[in-house]
Protein backbone atom coordinates (compact mmCIF):
# COMPACT_ATOMS: atom_id res chain seq x y z
CA MET A 1 -105.36 103.44 -33.54
CA ILE A 2 -105.31 100.70 -36.18
CA VAL A 3 -108.21 100.93 -38.63
CA ASN A 4 -110.21 97.70 -39.25
CA PHE A 5 -108.25 95.90 -36.55
CA GLU A 6 -110.25 92.65 -36.89
CA ALA A 7 -109.54 92.47 -40.63
CA PHE A 8 -105.84 93.10 -39.98
CA LEU A 9 -105.74 90.36 -37.36
CA VAL A 10 -107.37 87.80 -39.66
CA ALA A 11 -105.15 88.71 -42.62
CA ILE A 12 -101.89 88.64 -40.68
CA THR A 13 -102.83 85.33 -39.02
CA ILE A 14 -103.57 83.69 -42.37
CA LEU A 15 -100.28 85.02 -43.73
CA THR A 16 -98.40 83.61 -40.74
CA LEU A 17 -99.98 80.16 -40.98
CA THR A 18 -99.27 79.85 -44.72
CA PRO A 19 -96.25 77.52 -45.18
CA GLY A 20 -93.21 79.16 -46.72
CA LEU A 21 -89.58 80.05 -46.11
CA ASP A 22 -90.06 80.88 -42.42
CA THR A 23 -91.73 77.53 -41.76
CA ALA A 24 -89.03 75.62 -43.64
CA LEU A 25 -86.23 77.37 -41.76
CA VAL A 26 -87.81 76.84 -38.34
CA ILE A 27 -88.39 73.15 -39.11
CA ARG A 28 -84.82 72.68 -40.34
CA ASN A 29 -83.19 74.31 -37.32
CA SER A 30 -85.58 72.65 -34.85
CA SER A 31 -84.62 69.30 -36.34
CA ARG A 32 -80.95 70.16 -35.98
CA GLY A 33 -80.90 71.55 -32.46
CA GLY A 34 -84.28 71.01 -30.84
CA PHE A 35 -86.76 73.57 -29.50
CA SER A 36 -84.18 76.18 -28.51
CA ASP A 37 -82.79 76.39 -32.05
CA GLY A 38 -86.27 76.56 -33.57
CA ALA A 39 -87.43 79.25 -31.14
CA THR A 40 -84.25 81.28 -31.69
CA THR A 41 -84.72 81.05 -35.46
CA SER A 42 -88.28 82.30 -34.99
CA LEU A 43 -87.01 85.18 -32.85
CA GLY A 44 -84.61 86.20 -35.62
CA ILE A 45 -87.36 86.01 -38.24
CA CYS A 46 -89.76 88.04 -36.12
CA LEU A 47 -87.19 90.71 -35.23
CA GLY A 48 -86.84 91.24 -38.97
CA LEU A 49 -90.51 92.27 -39.07
CA PHE A 50 -89.67 95.44 -37.15
CA VAL A 51 -87.02 96.28 -39.75
CA HIS A 52 -89.59 95.99 -42.53
CA ALA A 53 -92.18 97.97 -40.55
CA THR A 54 -89.65 100.75 -39.96
CA PHE A 55 -88.60 100.80 -43.61
CA SER A 56 -92.24 100.93 -44.67
CA ALA A 57 -92.99 103.83 -42.34
CA ILE A 58 -90.01 105.96 -43.40
CA GLY A 59 -90.39 105.22 -47.10
CA ILE A 60 -87.41 102.97 -47.82
CA SER A 61 -89.72 100.18 -48.93
CA ALA A 62 -91.38 102.61 -51.34
CA LEU A 63 -87.98 103.34 -52.87
CA LEU A 64 -87.36 99.61 -53.14
CA ALA A 65 -90.70 99.07 -54.86
CA GLN A 66 -90.15 101.93 -57.33
CA SER A 67 -86.58 101.06 -58.29
CA ALA A 68 -86.48 97.95 -60.46
CA GLN A 69 -82.69 97.76 -60.20
CA LEU A 70 -82.63 98.06 -56.41
CA PHE A 71 -85.45 95.55 -55.99
CA ALA A 72 -83.68 93.10 -58.31
CA ALA A 73 -80.40 93.52 -56.44
CA VAL A 74 -81.96 92.87 -53.03
CA LYS A 75 -83.97 89.97 -54.45
CA MET A 76 -80.84 88.34 -55.87
CA ILE A 77 -78.98 88.74 -52.56
CA GLY A 78 -81.90 87.22 -50.66
CA ALA A 79 -82.30 84.38 -53.17
CA ALA A 80 -78.58 83.63 -53.10
CA TYR A 81 -78.69 83.48 -49.29
CA LEU A 82 -81.57 80.97 -49.35
CA ILE A 83 -79.78 78.81 -51.91
CA TRP A 84 -76.63 78.94 -49.79
CA LEU A 85 -78.58 77.80 -46.71
CA GLY A 86 -80.11 74.93 -48.66
CA LEU A 87 -76.81 73.86 -50.19
CA SER A 88 -75.22 73.98 -46.73
CA SER A 89 -77.73 71.35 -45.59
CA LEU A 90 -77.09 69.16 -48.63
CA ARG A 91 -73.32 69.56 -48.25
CA ALA A 92 -73.56 68.48 -44.60
CA ILE A 93 -75.28 65.28 -45.74
CA MET A 94 -72.60 64.50 -48.31
CA LYS A 95 -69.86 65.09 -45.74
CA GLY A 96 -71.62 62.93 -43.16
CA GLN A 97 -72.00 65.84 -40.75
CA VAL A 98 -75.69 65.28 -39.98
CA ALA A 99 -76.22 63.96 -36.46
CA PRO A 100 -79.24 63.47 -34.20
CA ALA A 101 -80.50 66.77 -32.79
CA ALA A 102 -79.69 65.87 -29.19
CA GLU A 103 -76.02 65.36 -30.05
CA LEU A 104 -75.82 68.63 -31.94
CA ALA A 105 -77.49 70.53 -29.12
CA LEU A 106 -75.01 69.21 -26.56
CA ALA A 107 -72.00 69.71 -28.81
CA SER A 108 -72.36 73.39 -29.68
CA GLN A 109 -75.46 74.95 -28.16
CA ASN A 110 -74.20 78.55 -28.03
CA LEU A 111 -72.92 78.40 -31.61
CA ASN A 112 -76.19 76.88 -32.80
CA LEU A 113 -78.29 79.59 -31.15
CA LYS A 114 -76.23 82.42 -32.62
CA ARG A 115 -76.35 80.79 -36.04
CA SER A 116 -80.11 80.21 -35.82
CA LEU A 117 -80.77 83.82 -34.77
CA ARG A 118 -78.62 85.12 -37.62
CA GLU A 119 -80.18 82.82 -40.22
CA GLY A 120 -83.72 83.74 -39.18
CA PHE A 121 -83.02 87.47 -39.13
CA LEU A 122 -81.15 87.61 -42.45
CA SER A 123 -83.62 85.38 -44.29
CA ASN A 124 -86.41 87.78 -43.33
CA VAL A 125 -84.62 91.10 -43.81
CA LEU A 126 -83.13 90.07 -47.17
CA ASN A 127 -86.52 89.07 -48.56
CA PRO A 128 -87.74 92.05 -50.67
CA LYS A 129 -91.16 90.44 -51.02
CA THR A 130 -91.69 90.94 -47.28
CA ALA A 131 -90.68 94.61 -47.59
CA VAL A 132 -93.06 95.21 -50.49
CA PHE A 133 -95.82 93.27 -48.71
CA TYR A 134 -95.50 95.50 -45.66
CA LEU A 135 -95.48 98.57 -47.89
CA ALA A 136 -98.72 97.51 -49.59
CA PHE A 137 -100.39 95.90 -46.57
CA LEU A 138 -99.81 98.16 -43.57
CA PRO A 139 -101.11 101.46 -45.04
CA GLN A 140 -104.57 99.92 -45.44
CA PHE A 141 -104.90 99.78 -41.66
CA ILE A 142 -103.15 103.02 -40.65
CA ASP A 143 -105.28 105.82 -39.22
CA PRO A 144 -104.22 109.06 -41.00
CA ALA A 145 -104.93 110.99 -37.82
CA GLY A 146 -102.31 109.03 -35.88
CA SER A 147 -98.58 108.39 -36.19
CA ALA A 148 -97.87 106.13 -39.16
CA PHE A 149 -94.56 105.09 -37.61
CA LEU A 150 -96.02 104.06 -34.25
CA GLN A 151 -98.94 102.26 -35.88
CA SER A 152 -96.54 100.37 -38.18
CA LEU A 153 -94.48 99.25 -35.19
CA LEU A 154 -97.66 98.22 -33.34
CA MET A 155 -98.79 96.07 -36.27
CA ALA A 156 -95.31 94.55 -36.51
CA ALA A 157 -95.49 93.78 -32.77
CA ILE A 158 -98.83 92.00 -33.25
CA HIS A 159 -97.37 90.08 -36.20
CA PHE A 160 -94.36 89.27 -33.98
CA VAL A 161 -96.54 87.72 -31.27
CA ILE A 162 -98.63 85.66 -33.71
CA ALA A 163 -95.61 84.44 -35.68
CA MET A 164 -93.60 83.59 -32.55
CA ALA A 165 -96.53 81.62 -31.12
CA TRP A 166 -97.03 79.65 -34.34
CA GLN A 167 -93.37 78.98 -35.09
CA CYS A 168 -92.49 78.12 -31.49
CA GLY A 169 -95.46 75.74 -31.56
CA LEU A 170 -93.91 74.03 -34.58
CA ALA A 171 -90.54 73.88 -32.83
CA GLY A 172 -92.20 72.46 -29.72
CA ALA A 173 -94.05 69.80 -31.73
CA LEU A 174 -90.78 68.69 -33.30
CA ASP A 175 -89.08 68.69 -29.91
CA LYS A 176 -91.82 66.38 -28.61
CA ALA A 177 -90.93 63.93 -31.35
CA LYS A 178 -87.60 63.21 -29.67
CA GLY A 179 -87.62 59.63 -30.91
CA LEU A 180 -87.62 60.80 -34.52
CA LEU A 181 -84.98 63.45 -33.88
CA LYS A 182 -82.68 60.78 -32.43
CA ASN A 183 -83.09 58.69 -35.57
CA SER A 184 -80.20 59.25 -37.99
CA ARG A 185 -82.25 58.24 -41.04
CA PHE A 186 -85.01 60.68 -40.16
CA MET A 187 -82.46 63.45 -39.62
CA LEU A 188 -80.94 62.76 -43.04
CA TRP A 189 -84.39 62.85 -44.62
CA MET A 190 -85.31 66.09 -42.82
CA GLU A 191 -82.01 67.77 -43.67
CA ALA A 192 -82.31 66.75 -47.33
CA THR A 193 -85.95 67.82 -47.60
CA THR A 194 -85.48 71.23 -46.01
CA GLY A 195 -82.28 71.76 -47.98
CA VAL A 196 -84.07 71.10 -51.27
CA VAL A 197 -87.00 73.32 -50.21
CA LEU A 198 -84.69 76.23 -49.34
CA VAL A 199 -82.84 75.90 -52.65
CA ALA A 200 -86.16 75.73 -54.52
CA LEU A 201 -87.49 78.81 -52.70
CA GLY A 202 -84.28 80.68 -53.52
CA ILE A 203 -84.50 79.75 -57.21
CA LYS A 204 -88.20 80.66 -57.27
CA LEU A 205 -87.46 84.06 -55.75
CA MET A 206 -84.61 84.62 -58.20
CA LEU A 207 -86.75 83.80 -61.26
CA GLU A 208 -89.87 85.73 -60.23
CA GLU A 209 -90.58 88.94 -62.10
């Protein structure tokens, strides 16, 4: 049984609602391919939570936190991936490959969904800050008398539901704005903005101690 369940629920909800990489990625992919792409990105992000919960429970996150070299290596890989995602958006603008979301969705829906799932999952799993957060955060709510592994997975499942609801809500809100998503200028602005944000987040992660 999770200890201080109400406190856990409040803390994890606040964490989820705080804008960051996940929000930027969901917004970018929702703008590109509509609700389905945004929801699939969210699914990838949230599946990554179970990876971090498992690592935390079996001690891999502890090893990551204790080894400066390993933490730095994972951080650099994650930061490089974010920068690559951002530069991909900016490169698409320069090559004139940005199109209204409806056209993109019809052109390559299956490819978009696979890409969105992969991007969401990798951006979460390759973020060492999430691993260390889970390592520091989850133990505060684990009942020593119960299974740490099962409780970690339960908390990840709760986080999964809250994050999916919030991020799919964002994707749905963007999907409702179909007029904007059919506007080429707005799509260019959105692609440029999210591209710059992803690059900035990658650089920030890379430079953080």
